[in-house]
PDB file of all heavy atoms in Angstrom:
ATOM      1  N   ASP A   1       6.392 -12.508 -10.479  1.00  0.00           N
ATOM      2  CA  ASP A   1       6.740 -13.863 -10.054  1.00  0.00           C
ATOM      3  C   ASP A   1       7.763 -13.892  -8.928  1.00  0.00           C
ATOM      4  O   ASP A   1       8.044 -14.955  -8.375  1.00  0.00           O
ATOM      5  CB  ASP A   1       7.255 -14.675 -11.246  1.00  0.00           C
ATOM      6  CG  ASP A   1       6.167 -14.963 -12.266  1.00  0.00           C
ATOM      7  OD1 ASP A   1       4.974 -14.948 -11.895  1.00  0.00           O
ATOM      8  OD2 ASP A   1       6.496 -15.193 -13.454  1.00  0.00           O
ATOM      9  N   GLN A   2       8.323 -12.734  -8.580  1.00  0.00           N
ATOM     10  CA  GLN A   2       9.260 -12.666  -7.457  1.00  0.00           C
ATOM     11  C   GLN A   2       8.541 -12.417  -6.132  1.00  0.00           C
ATOM     12  O   GLN A   2       9.168 -12.433  -5.069  1.00  0.00           O
ATOM     13  CB  GLN A   2      10.282 -11.549  -7.696  1.00  0.00           C
ATOM     14  CG  GLN A   2      11.136 -11.742  -8.954  1.00  0.00           C
ATOM     15  CD  GLN A   2      12.102 -10.591  -9.168  1.00  0.00           C
ATOM     16  OE1 GLN A   2      12.525  -9.926  -8.234  1.00  0.00           O
ATOM     17  NE2 GLN A   2      12.429 -10.330 -10.432  1.00  0.00           N
ATOM     18  N   VAL A   3       7.240 -12.184  -6.219  1.00  0.00           N
ATOM     19  CA  VAL A   3       6.436 -11.825  -5.054  1.00  0.00           C
ATOM     20  C   VAL A   3       5.416 -12.922  -4.792  1.00  0.00           C
ATOM     21  O   VAL A   3       4.805 -13.460  -5.719  1.00  0.00           O
ATOM     22  CB  VAL A   3       5.717 -10.475  -5.295  1.00  0.00           C
ATOM     23  CG1 VAL A   3       4.738 -10.168  -4.177  1.00  0.00           C
ATOM     24  CG2 VAL A   3       6.743  -9.347  -5.415  1.00  0.00           C
ATOM     25  N   TRP A   4       5.246 -13.297  -3.518  1.00  0.00           N
ATOM     26  CA  TRP A   4       4.254 -14.292  -3.145  1.00  0.00           C
ATOM     27  C   TRP A   4       2.838 -13.726  -3.248  1.00  0.00           C
ATOM     28  O   TRP A   4       1.945 -14.355  -3.795  1.00  0.00           O
ATOM     29  CB  TRP A   4       4.524 -14.773  -1.718  1.00  0.00           C
ATOM     30  CG  TRP A   4       3.403 -15.544  -1.083  1.00  0.00           C
ATOM     31  CD1 TRP A   4       2.383 -15.030  -0.313  1.00  0.00           C
ATOM     32  CD2 TRP A   4       3.163 -16.944  -1.156  1.00  0.00           C
ATOM     33  NE1 TRP A   4       1.543 -16.033   0.097  1.00  0.00           N
ATOM     34  CE2 TRP A   4       1.996 -17.219  -0.396  1.00  0.00           C
ATOM     35  CE3 TRP A   4       3.831 -18.010  -1.762  1.00  0.00           C
ATOM     36  CZ2 TRP A   4       1.494 -18.512  -0.242  1.00  0.00           C
ATOM     37  CZ3 TRP A   4       3.313 -19.290  -1.608  1.00  0.00           C
ATOM     38  CH2 TRP A   4       2.164 -19.523  -0.865  1.00  0.00           C
ATOM     39  N   GLN A   5       2.642 -12.539  -2.715  1.00  0.00           N
ATOM     40  CA  GLN A   5       1.317 -11.938  -2.685  1.00  0.00           C
ATOM     41  C   GLN A   5       1.457 -10.429  -2.643  1.00  0.00           C
ATOM     42  O   GLN A   5       2.364  -9.898  -2.007  1.00  0.00           O
ATOM     43  CB  GLN A   5       0.542 -12.425  -1.461  1.00  0.00           C
ATOM     44  CG  GLN A   5      -0.922 -11.978  -1.404  1.00  0.00           C
ATOM     45  CD  GLN A   5      -1.680 -12.681  -0.279  1.00  0.00           C
ATOM     46  OE1 GLN A   5      -1.263 -13.717   0.202  1.00  0.00           O
ATOM     47  NE2 GLN A   5      -2.796 -12.116   0.140  1.00  0.00           N
ATOM     48  N   ALA A   6       0.590  -9.741  -3.353  1.00  0.00           N
ATOM     49  CA  ALA A   6       0.642  -8.282  -3.390  1.00  0.00           C
ATOM     50  C   ALA A   6      -0.771  -7.723  -3.507  1.00  0.00           C
ATOM     51  O   ALA A   6      -1.677  -8.381  -4.021  1.00  0.00           O
ATOM     52  CB  ALA A   6       1.504  -7.800  -4.565  1.00  0.00           C
ATOM     53  N   GLY A   7      -0.931  -6.524  -3.035  1.00  0.00           N
ATOM     54  CA  GLY A   7      -2.213  -5.855  -3.130  1.00  0.00           C
ATOM     55  C   GLY A   7      -2.132  -4.471  -2.522  1.00  0.00           C
ATOM     56  O   GLY A   7      -1.103  -4.058  -1.987  1.00  0.00           O
ATOM     57  N   VAL A   8      -3.221  -3.765  -2.606  1.00  0.00           N
ATOM     58  CA  VAL A   8      -3.312  -2.406  -2.078  1.00  0.00           C
ATOM     59  C   VAL A   8      -4.324  -2.393  -0.942  1.00  0.00           C
ATOM     60  O   VAL A   8      -5.354  -3.071  -1.015  1.00  0.00           O
ATOM     61  CB  VAL A   8      -3.711  -1.409  -3.179  1.00  0.00           C
ATOM     62  CG1 VAL A   8      -3.818   0.009  -2.608  1.00  0.00           C
ATOM     63  CG2 VAL A   8      -2.693  -1.437  -4.319  1.00  0.00           C
ATOM     64  N   ILE A   9      -4.028  -1.643   0.092  1.00  0.00           N
ATOM     65  CA  ILE A   9      -4.911  -1.489   1.249  1.00  0.00           C
ATOM     66  C   ILE A   9      -5.454  -0.064   1.257  1.00  0.00           C
ATOM     67  O   ILE A   9      -4.685   0.892   1.152  1.00  0.00           O
ATOM     68  CB  ILE A   9      -4.168  -1.753   2.569  1.00  0.00           C
ATOM     69  CG1 ILE A   9      -3.305  -3.016   2.488  1.00  0.00           C
ATOM     70  CG2 ILE A   9      -5.163  -1.816   3.724  1.00  0.00           C
ATOM     71  CD1 ILE A   9      -4.049  -4.279   2.220  1.00  0.00           C
ATOM     72  N   LEU A  10      -6.766   0.074   1.369  1.00  0.00           N
ATOM     73  CA  LEU A  10      -7.376   1.397   1.479  1.00  0.00           C
ATOM     74  C   LEU A  10      -7.495   1.747   2.953  1.00  0.00           C
ATOM     75  O   LEU A  10      -8.197   1.074   3.708  1.00  0.00           O
ATOM     76  CB  LEU A  10      -8.747   1.423   0.811  1.00  0.00           C
ATOM     77  CG  LEU A  10      -9.458   2.777   0.790  1.00  0.00           C
ATOM     78  CD1 LEU A  10      -8.660   3.801  -0.012  1.00  0.00           C
ATOM     79  CD2 LEU A  10     -10.866   2.639   0.203  1.00  0.00           C
ATOM     80  N   LEU A  11      -6.791   2.788   3.358  1.00  0.00           N
ATOM     81  CA  LEU A  11      -6.721   3.151   4.770  1.00  0.00           C
ATOM     82  C   LEU A  11      -7.899   4.031   5.183  1.00  0.00           C
ATOM     83  O   LEU A  11      -8.421   4.803   4.370  1.00  0.00           O
ATOM     84  CB  LEU A  11      -5.405   3.870   5.056  1.00  0.00           C
ATOM     85  CG  LEU A  11      -4.131   3.119   4.649  1.00  0.00           C
ATOM     86  CD1 LEU A  11      -2.889   3.923   5.015  1.00  0.00           C
ATOM     87  CD2 LEU A  11      -4.080   1.748   5.295  1.00  0.00           C
ATOM     88  N   PRO A  12      -8.304   3.953   6.433  1.00  0.00           N
ATOM     89  CA  PRO A  12      -9.456   4.735   6.914  1.00  0.00           C
ATOM     90  C   PRO A  12      -9.061   6.146   7.348  1.00  0.00           C
ATOM     91  O   PRO A  12      -9.538   6.650   8.354  1.00  0.00           O
ATOM     92  CB  PRO A  12      -9.953   3.914   8.100  1.00  0.00           C
ATOM     93  CG  PRO A  12      -8.703   3.313   8.658  1.00  0.00           C
ATOM     94  CD  PRO A  12      -7.792   3.033   7.469  1.00  0.00           C
ATOM     95  N   VAL A  13      -8.168   6.759   6.610  1.00  0.00           N
ATOM     96  CA  VAL A  13      -7.706   8.104   6.929  1.00  0.00           C
ATOM     97  C   VAL A  13      -7.681   8.944   5.659  1.00  0.00           C
ATOM     98  O   VAL A  13      -7.602   8.421   4.552  1.00  0.00           O
ATOM     99  CB  VAL A  13      -6.289   8.095   7.558  1.00  0.00           C
ATOM    100  CG1 VAL A  13      -6.294   7.364   8.882  1.00  0.00           C
ATOM    101  CG2 VAL A  13      -5.267   7.475   6.603  1.00  0.00           C
ATOM    102  N   GLN A  14      -7.757  10.202   5.842  1.00  0.00           N
ATOM    103  CA  GLN A  14      -7.582  11.156   4.758  1.00  0.00           C
ATOM    104  C   GLN A  14      -6.455  12.101   5.131  1.00  0.00           C
ATOM    105  O   GLN A  14      -6.186  12.351   6.304  1.00  0.00           O
ATOM    106  CB  GLN A  14      -8.878  11.920   4.493  1.00  0.00           C
ATOM    107  CG  GLN A  14      -9.989  11.066   3.883  1.00  0.00           C
ATOM    108  CD  GLN A  14     -11.254  11.837   3.653  1.00  0.00           C
ATOM    109  OE1 GLN A  14     -12.052  12.016   4.573  1.00  0.00           O
ATOM    110  NE2 GLN A  14     -11.451  12.295   2.437  1.00  0.00           N
ATOM    111  N   SER A  15      -5.793  12.611   4.124  1.00  0.00           N
ATOM    112  CA  SER A  15      -4.668  13.493   4.375  1.00  0.00           C
ATOM    113  C   SER A  15      -4.703  14.667   3.409  1.00  0.00           C
ATOM    114  O   SER A  15      -5.322  14.617   2.350  1.00  0.00           O
ATOM    115  CB  SER A  15      -3.342  12.730   4.240  1.00  0.00           C
ATOM    116  OG  SER A  15      -3.129  12.314   2.903  1.00  0.00           O
ATOM    117  N   VAL A  16      -4.004  15.733   3.787  1.00  0.00           N
ATOM    118  CA  VAL A  16      -3.920  16.930   2.953  1.00  0.00           C
ATOM    119  C   VAL A  16      -2.895  16.712   1.848  1.00  0.00           C
ATOM    120  O   VAL A  16      -1.816  16.164   2.076  1.00  0.00           O
ATOM    121  CB  VAL A  16      -3.533  18.154   3.802  1.00  0.00           C
ATOM    122  CG1 VAL A  16      -3.308  19.379   2.912  1.00  0.00           C
ATOM    123  CG2 VAL A  16      -4.618  18.453   4.832  1.00  0.00           C
ATOM    124  N   GLY A  17      -3.242  17.115   0.656  1.00  0.00           N
ATOM    125  CA  GLY A  17      -2.338  17.046  -0.480  1.00  0.00           C
ATOM    126  C   GLY A  17      -2.489  18.274  -1.358  1.00  0.00           C
ATOM    127  O   GLY A  17      -3.277  19.190  -1.055  1.00  0.00           O
ATOM    128  N   VAL A  18      -1.739  18.293  -2.450  1.00  0.00           N
ATOM    129  CA  VAL A  18      -1.785  19.395  -3.398  1.00  0.00           C
ATOM    130  C   VAL A  18      -2.003  18.836  -4.791  1.00  0.00           C
ATOM    131  O   VAL A  18      -1.307  17.924  -5.233  1.00  0.00           O
ATOM    132  CB  VAL A  18      -0.488  20.230  -3.363  1.00  0.00           C
ATOM    133  CG1 VAL A  18      -0.560  21.349  -4.410  1.00  0.00           C
ATOM    134  CG2 VAL A  18      -0.248  20.820  -1.981  1.00  0.00           C
ATOM    135  N   MET A  19      -2.976  19.360  -5.489  1.00  0.00           N
ATOM    136  CA  MET A  19      -3.238  18.994  -6.867  1.00  0.00           C
ATOM    137  C   MET A  19      -3.404  20.278  -7.663  1.00  0.00           C
ATOM    138  O   MET A  19      -4.390  21.004  -7.500  1.00  0.00           O
ATOM    139  CB  MET A  19      -4.492  18.118  -6.976  1.00  0.00           C
ATOM    140  CG  MET A  19      -4.741  17.574  -8.380  1.00  0.00           C
ATOM    141  SD  MET A  19      -3.479  16.398  -8.926  1.00  0.00           S
ATOM    142  CE  MET A  19      -3.774  15.017  -7.821  1.00  0.00           C
ATOM    143  N   GLY A  20      -2.397  20.575  -8.517  1.00  0.00           N
ATOM    144  CA  GLY A  20      -2.408  21.841  -9.226  1.00  0.00           C
ATOM    145  C   GLY A  20      -2.199  22.991  -8.254  1.00  0.00           C
ATOM    146  O   GLY A  20      -1.249  23.011  -7.480  1.00  0.00           O
ATOM    147  N   ASP A  21      -3.109  23.932  -8.267  1.00  0.00           N
ATOM    148  CA  ASP A  21      -3.035  25.076  -7.356  1.00  0.00           C
ATOM    149  C   ASP A  21      -3.937  24.913  -6.143  1.00  0.00           C
ATOM    150  O   ASP A  21      -4.119  25.851  -5.365  1.00  0.00           O
ATOM    151  CB  ASP A  21      -3.418  26.368  -8.098  1.00  0.00           C
ATOM    152  CG  ASP A  21      -2.433  26.713  -9.209  1.00  0.00           C
ATOM    153  OD1 ASP A  21      -1.238  26.400  -9.041  1.00  0.00           O
ATOM    154  OD2 ASP A  21      -2.872  27.279 -10.232  1.00  0.00           O
ATOM    155  N   GLU A  22      -4.509  23.725  -5.987  1.00  0.00           N
ATOM    156  CA  GLU A  22      -5.475  23.531  -4.919  1.00  0.00           C
ATOM    157  C   GLU A  22      -5.013  22.480  -3.917  1.00  0.00           C
ATOM    158  O   GLU A  22      -4.296  21.546  -4.248  1.00  0.00           O
ATOM    159  CB  GLU A  22      -6.833  23.103  -5.495  1.00  0.00           C
ATOM    160  CG  GLU A  22      -7.477  24.137  -6.406  1.00  0.00           C
ATOM    161  CD  GLU A  22      -8.831  23.693  -6.921  1.00  0.00           C
ATOM    162  OE1 GLU A  22      -9.227  22.550  -6.589  1.00  0.00           O
ATOM    163  OE2 GLU A  22      -9.480  24.480  -7.638  1.00  0.00           O
ATOM    164  N   ARG A  23      -5.401  22.694  -2.671  1.00  0.00           N
ATOM    165  CA  ARG A  23      -5.186  21.686  -1.642  1.00  0.00           C
ATOM    166  C   ARG A  23      -6.285  20.626  -1.727  1.00  0.00           C
ATOM    167  O   ARG A  23      -7.435  20.935  -2.047  1.00  0.00           O
ATOM    168  CB  ARG A  23      -5.187  22.334  -0.252  1.00  0.00           C
ATOM    169  CG  ARG A  23      -3.956  23.171   0.006  1.00  0.00           C
ATOM    170  CD  ARG A  23      -4.138  24.073   1.228  1.00  0.00           C
ATOM    171  NE  ARG A  23      -4.304  23.330   2.468  1.00  0.00           N
ATOM    172  CZ  ARG A  23      -3.311  22.900   3.241  1.00  0.00           C
ATOM    173  NH1 ARG A  23      -2.053  23.130   2.883  1.00  0.00           N
ATOM    174  NH2 ARG A  23      -3.556  22.250   4.368  1.00  0.00           N
ATOM    175  N   THR A  24      -5.911  19.387  -1.461  1.00  0.00           N
ATOM    176  CA  THR A  24      -6.869  18.296  -1.491  1.00  0.00           C
ATOM    177  C   THR A  24      -6.932  17.637  -0.119  1.00  0.00           C
ATOM    178  O   THR A  24      -6.018  17.768   0.697  1.00  0.00           O
ATOM    179  CB  THR A  24      -6.474  17.228  -2.530  1.00  0.00           C
ATOM    180  OG1 THR A  24      -5.197  16.668  -2.187  1.00  0.00           O
ATOM    181  CG2 THR A  24      -6.396  17.843  -3.923  1.00  0.00           C
ATOM    182  N   TYR A  25      -7.994  16.966   0.127  1.00  0.00           N
ATOM    183  CA  TYR A  25      -8.163  16.206   1.358  1.00  0.00           C
ATOM    184  C   TYR A  25      -8.753  14.868   0.964  1.00  0.00           C
ATOM    185  O   TYR A  25      -9.979  14.696   0.915  1.00  0.00           O
ATOM    186  CB  TYR A  25      -9.053  16.957   2.339  1.00  0.00           C
ATOM    187  CG  TYR A  25      -9.081  16.358   3.730  1.00  0.00           C
ATOM    188  CD1 TYR A  25      -7.921  16.300   4.502  1.00  0.00           C
ATOM    189  CD2 TYR A  25     -10.250  15.854   4.275  1.00  0.00           C
ATOM    190  CE1 TYR A  25      -7.932  15.759   5.781  1.00  0.00           C
ATOM    191  CE2 TYR A  25     -10.284  15.325   5.557  1.00  0.00           C
ATOM    192  CZ  TYR A  25      -9.107  15.273   6.296  1.00  0.00           C
ATOM    193  OH  TYR A  25      -9.123  14.737   7.569  1.00  0.00           O
ATOM    194  N   GLU A  26      -7.855  13.908   0.640  1.00  0.00           N
ATOM    195  CA  GLU A  26      -8.291  12.653   0.057  1.00  0.00           C
ATOM    196  C   GLU A  26      -7.639  11.471   0.772  1.00  0.00           C
ATOM    197  O   GLU A  26      -6.944  11.631   1.764  1.00  0.00           O
ATOM    198  CB  GLU A  26      -7.974  12.649  -1.443  1.00  0.00           C
ATOM    199  CG  GLU A  26      -8.767  13.711  -2.207  1.00  0.00           C
ATOM    200  CD  GLU A  26      -8.464  13.719  -3.688  1.00  0.00           C
ATOM    201  OE1 GLU A  26      -7.299  13.449  -4.057  1.00  0.00           O
ATOM    202  OE2 GLU A  26      -9.372  14.006  -4.487  1.00  0.00           O
ATOM    203  N   ARG A  27      -7.841  10.286   0.232  1.00  0.00           N
ATOM    204  CA  ARG A  27      -7.490   9.057   0.922  1.00  0.00           C
ATOM    205  C   ARG A  27      -6.037   8.645   0.714  1.00  0.00           C
ATOM    206  O   ARG A  27      -5.399   8.995  -0.273  1.00  0.00           O
ATOM    207  CB  ARG A  27      -8.412   7.922   0.479  1.00  0.00           C
ATOM    208  CG  ARG A  27      -9.872   8.213   0.826  1.00  0.00           C
ATOM    209  CD  ARG A  27     -10.749   7.007   0.679  1.00  0.00           C
ATOM    210  NE  ARG A  27     -12.086   7.304   1.148  1.00  0.00           N
ATOM    211  CZ  ARG A  27     -12.461   7.254   2.417  1.00  0.00           C
ATOM    212  NH1 ARG A  27     -11.600   6.879   3.347  1.00  0.00           N
ATOM    213  NH2 ARG A  27     -13.702   7.540   2.772  1.00  0.00           N
ATOM    214  N   ALA A  28      -5.577   7.874   1.673  1.00  0.00           N
ATOM    215  CA  ALA A  28      -4.250   7.264   1.594  1.00  0.00           C
ATOM    216  C   ALA A  28      -4.400   5.765   1.365  1.00  0.00           C
ATOM    217  O   ALA A  28      -5.333   5.138   1.869  1.00  0.00           O
ATOM    218  CB  ALA A  28      -3.463   7.518   2.882  1.00  0.00           C
ATOM    219  N   VAL A  29      -3.485   5.203   0.582  1.00  0.00           N
ATOM    220  CA  VAL A  29      -3.452   3.757   0.371  1.00  0.00           C
ATOM    221  C   VAL A  29      -2.069   3.237   0.743  1.00  0.00           C
ATOM    222  O   VAL A  29      -1.080   3.970   0.738  1.00  0.00           O
ATOM    223  CB  VAL A  29      -3.790   3.366  -1.087  1.00  0.00           C
ATOM    224  CG1 VAL A  29      -5.189   3.818  -1.463  1.00  0.00           C
ATOM    225  CG2 VAL A  29      -2.752   3.916  -2.056  1.00  0.00           C
ATOM    226  N   ALA A  30      -2.011   1.958   1.085  1.00  0.00           N
ATOM    227  CA  ALA A  30      -0.747   1.298   1.388  1.00  0.00           C
ATOM    228  C   ALA A  30      -0.528   0.169   0.387  1.00  0.00           C
ATOM    229  O   ALA A  30      -1.435  -0.639   0.138  1.00  0.00           O
ATOM    230  CB  ALA A  30      -0.747   0.746   2.811  1.00  0.00           C
ATOM    231  N   LEU A  31       0.652   0.106  -0.195  1.00  0.00           N
ATOM    232  CA  LEU A  31       1.032  -1.012  -1.042  1.00  0.00           C
ATOM    233  C   LEU A  31       1.591  -2.122  -0.152  1.00  0.00           C
ATOM    234  O   LEU A  31       2.357  -1.874   0.768  1.00  0.00           O
ATOM    235  CB  LEU A  31       2.083  -0.597  -2.070  1.00  0.00           C
ATOM    236  CG  LEU A  31       1.798   0.643  -2.918  1.00  0.00           C
ATOM    237  CD1 LEU A  31       2.934   0.876  -3.909  1.00  0.00           C
ATOM    238  CD2 LEU A  31       0.474   0.515  -3.644  1.00  0.00           C
ATOM    239  N   ARG A  32       1.193  -3.359  -0.427  1.00  0.00           N
ATOM    240  CA  ARG A  32       1.664  -4.502   0.346  1.00  0.00           C
ATOM    241  C   ARG A  32       2.163  -5.579  -0.606  1.00  0.00           C
ATOM    242  O   ARG A  32       1.438  -6.009  -1.509  1.00  0.00           O
ATOM    243  CB  ARG A  32       0.527  -5.063   1.204  1.00  0.00           C
ATOM    244  CG  ARG A  32       0.888  -6.262   2.085  1.00  0.00           C
ATOM    245  CD  ARG A  32       1.851  -5.901   3.168  1.00  0.00           C
ATOM    246  NE  ARG A  32       1.805  -6.853   4.302  1.00  0.00           N
ATOM    247  CZ  ARG A  32       2.865  -7.149   5.031  1.00  0.00           C
ATOM    248  NH1 ARG A  32       4.042  -6.586   4.755  1.00  0.00           N
ATOM    249  NH2 ARG A  32       2.747  -7.990   6.059  1.00  0.00           N
ATOM    250  N   ALA A  33       3.419  -5.989  -0.456  1.00  0.00           N
ATOM    251  CA  ALA A  33       3.985  -7.077  -1.249  1.00  0.00           C
ATOM    252  C   ALA A  33       4.902  -7.882  -0.342  1.00  0.00           C
ATOM    253  O   ALA A  33       5.745  -7.320   0.360  1.00  0.00           O
ATOM    254  CB  ALA A  33       4.756  -6.547  -2.458  1.00  0.00           C
ATOM    255  N   VAL A  34       4.741  -9.218  -0.340  1.00  0.00           N
ATOM    256  CA  VAL A  34       5.530 -10.067   0.540  1.00  0.00           C
ATOM    257  C   VAL A  34       6.113 -11.244  -0.227  1.00  0.00           C
ATOM    258  O   VAL A  34       5.601 -11.666  -1.267  1.00  0.00           O
ATOM    259  CB  VAL A  34       4.689 -10.604   1.718  1.00  0.00           C
ATOM    260  CG1 VAL A  34       4.157  -9.456   2.569  1.00  0.00           C
ATOM    261  CG2 VAL A  34       3.550 -11.495   1.229  1.00  0.00           C
ATOM    262  N   THR A  35       7.189 -11.780   0.320  1.00  0.00           N
ATOM    263  CA  THR A  35       7.747 -13.040  -0.141  1.00  0.00           C
ATOM    264  C   THR A  35       7.454 -14.098   0.915  1.00  0.00           C
ATOM    265  O   THR A  35       7.462 -13.822   2.108  1.00  0.00           O
ATOM    266  CB  THR A  35       9.259 -12.933  -0.368  1.00  0.00           C
ATOM    267  OG1 THR A  35       9.902 -12.504   0.846  1.00  0.00           O
ATOM    268  CG2 THR A  35       9.556 -11.904  -1.463  1.00  0.00           C
ATOM    269  N   SER A  36       7.172 -15.323   0.472  1.00  0.00           N
ATOM    270  CA  SER A  36       6.814 -16.385   1.393  1.00  0.00           C
ATOM    271  C   SER A  36       6.867 -17.723   0.677  1.00  0.00           C
ATOM    272  O   SER A  36       6.978 -17.790  -0.556  1.00  0.00           O
ATOM    273  CB  SER A  36       5.410 -16.152   1.972  1.00  0.00           C
ATOM    274  OG  SER A  36       5.064 -17.164   2.907  1.00  0.00           O
ATOM    275  N   THR A  37       6.772 -18.801   1.452  1.00  0.00           N
ATOM    276  CA  THR A  37       6.661 -20.142   0.898  1.00  0.00           C
ATOM    277  C   THR A  37       5.252 -20.679   1.029  1.00  0.00           C
ATOM    278  O   THR A  37       4.706 -21.268   0.102  1.00  0.00           O
ATOM    279  CB  THR A  37       7.625 -21.111   1.605  1.00  0.00           C
ATOM    280  OG1 THR A  37       8.971 -20.645   1.443  1.00  0.00           O
ATOM    281  CG2 THR A  37       7.522 -22.520   1.024  1.00  0.00           C
ATOM    282  N   ASP A  38       4.634 -20.469   2.196  1.00  0.00           N
ATOM    283  CA  ASP A  38       3.309 -21.027   2.429  1.00  0.00           C
ATOM    284  C   ASP A  38       2.385 -20.087   3.195  1.00  0.00           C
ATOM    285  O   ASP A  38       1.328 -20.493   3.662  1.00  0.00           O
ATOM    286  CB  ASP A  38       3.418 -22.351   3.193  1.00  0.00           C
ATOM    287  CG  ASP A  38       4.210 -22.211   4.487  1.00  0.00           C
ATOM    288  OD1 ASP A  38       4.305 -21.097   5.024  1.00  0.00           O
ATOM    289  OD2 ASP A  38       4.749 -23.223   4.959  1.00  0.00           O
ATOM    290  N   ALA A  39       2.779 -18.822   3.345  1.00  0.00           N
ATOM    291  CA  ALA A  39       1.989 -17.793   4.021  1.00  0.00           C
ATOM    292  C   ALA A  39       1.963 -17.940   5.533  1.00  0.00           C
ATOM    293  O   ALA A  39       1.364 -17.117   6.221  1.00  0.00           O
ATOM    294  CB  ALA A  39       0.560 -17.715   3.485  1.00  0.00           C
ATOM    295  N   MET A  40       2.586 -18.979   6.077  1.00  0.00           N
ATOM    296  CA  MET A  40       2.648 -19.104   7.521  1.00  0.00           C
ATOM    297  C   MET A  40       3.588 -18.054   8.106  1.00  0.00           C
ATOM    298  O   MET A  40       3.372 -17.550   9.203  1.00  0.00           O
ATOM    299  CB  MET A  40       3.098 -20.508   7.920  1.00  0.00           C
ATOM    300  CG  MET A  40       2.196 -21.621   7.384  1.00  0.00           C
ATOM    301  SD  MET A  40       0.472 -21.457   7.870  1.00  0.00           S
ATOM    302  CE  MET A  40       0.593 -21.756   9.626  1.00  0.00           C
ATOM    303  N   THR A  41       4.653 -17.750   7.363  1.00  0.00           N
ATOM    304  CA  THR A  41       5.535 -16.631   7.655  1.00  0.00           C
ATOM    305  C   THR A  41       5.757 -15.876   6.354  1.00  0.00           C
ATOM    306  O   THR A  41       5.598 -16.433   5.265  1.00  0.00           O
ATOM    307  CB  THR A  41       6.892 -17.088   8.232  1.00  0.00           C
ATOM    308  OG1 THR A  41       7.561 -17.922   7.255  1.00  0.00           O
ATOM    309  CG2 THR A  41       6.691 -17.878   9.521  1.00  0.00           C
ATOM    310  N   ALA A  42       6.135 -14.616   6.452  1.00  0.00           N
ATOM    311  CA  ALA A  42       6.347 -13.816   5.247  1.00  0.00           C
ATOM    312  C   ALA A  42       7.259 -12.645   5.563  1.00  0.00           C
ATOM    313  O   ALA A  42       7.272 -12.130   6.684  1.00  0.00           O
ATOM    314  CB  ALA A  42       5.018 -13.307   4.680  1.00  0.00           C
ATOM    315  N   ASP A  43       8.020 -12.214   4.559  1.00  0.00           N
ATOM    316  CA  ASP A  43       8.862 -11.032   4.675  1.00  0.00           C
ATOM    317  C   ASP A  43       8.418 -10.014   3.637  1.00  0.00           C
ATOM    318  O   ASP A  43       7.921 -10.383   2.569  1.00  0.00           O
ATOM    319  CB  ASP A  43      10.332 -11.392   4.459  1.00  0.00           C
ATOM    320  CG  ASP A  43      11.273 -10.262   4.870  1.00  0.00           C
ATOM    321  OD1 ASP A  43      10.828  -9.350   5.600  1.00  0.00           O
ATOM    322  OD2 ASP A  43      12.447 -10.282   4.459  1.00  0.00           O
ATOM    323  N   TRP A  44       8.563  -8.749   3.931  1.00  0.00           N
ATOM    324  CA  TRP A  44       8.183  -7.731   2.954  1.00  0.00           C
ATOM    325  C   TRP A  44       9.117  -7.767   1.761  1.00  0.00           C
ATOM    326  O   TRP A  44      10.315  -7.993   1.884  1.00  0.00           O
ATOM    327  CB  TRP A  44       8.140  -6.347   3.587  1.00  0.00           C
ATOM    328  CG  TRP A  44       9.444  -5.823   4.127  1.00  0.00           C
ATOM    329  CD1 TRP A  44       9.998  -6.108   5.347  1.00  0.00           C
ATOM    330  CD2 TRP A  44      10.341  -4.910   3.483  1.00  0.00           C
ATOM    331  NE1 TRP A  44      11.186  -5.437   5.495  1.00  0.00           N
ATOM    332  CE2 TRP A  44      11.425  -4.681   4.371  1.00  0.00           C
ATOM    333  CE3 TRP A  44      10.345  -4.256   2.255  1.00  0.00           C
ATOM    334  CZ2 TRP A  44      12.483  -3.835   4.062  1.00  0.00           C
ATOM    335  CZ3 TRP A  44      11.402  -3.411   1.934  1.00  0.00           C
ATOM    336  CH2 TRP A  44      12.456  -3.218   2.829  1.00  0.00           C
ATOM    337  N   ALA A  45       8.562  -7.607   0.585  1.00  0.00           N
ATOM    338  CA  ALA A  45       9.327  -7.682  -0.658  1.00  0.00           C
ATOM    339  C   ALA A  45      10.134  -6.411  -0.866  1.00  0.00           C
ATOM    340  O   ALA A  45       9.602  -5.304  -0.790  1.00  0.00           O
ATOM    341  CB  ALA A  45       8.394  -7.913  -1.842  1.00  0.00           C
ATOM    342  N   HIS A  46      11.426  -6.550  -1.142  1.00  0.00           N
ATOM    343  CA  HIS A  46      12.309  -5.409  -1.334  1.00  0.00           C
ATOM    344  C   HIS A  46      12.234  -4.944  -2.786  1.00  0.00           C
ATOM    345  O   HIS A  46      13.140  -5.163  -3.589  1.00  0.00           O
ATOM    346  CB  HIS A  46      13.733  -5.783  -0.930  1.00  0.00           C
ATOM    347  CG  HIS A  46      13.884  -6.079   0.527  1.00  0.00           C
ATOM    348  ND1 HIS A  46      14.895  -5.586   1.320  1.00  0.00           N
ATOM    349  CD2 HIS A  46      13.132  -6.822   1.378  1.00  0.00           C
ATOM    350  CE1 HIS A  46      14.761  -6.016   2.565  1.00  0.00           C
ATOM    351  NE2 HIS A  46      13.701  -6.780   2.619  1.00  0.00           N
TER     352      HIS A  46
END
């Protein structure tokens, strides 16, 4: 209830990571959360 709108963005990139003893090449996501009154302007939620 402290956030106006939130969601996850699936990015069109893949990056190298580590899972266990293996390297991975999988997707990155971005978290998005903003505060606003009417969506005409918005600030990122701290």
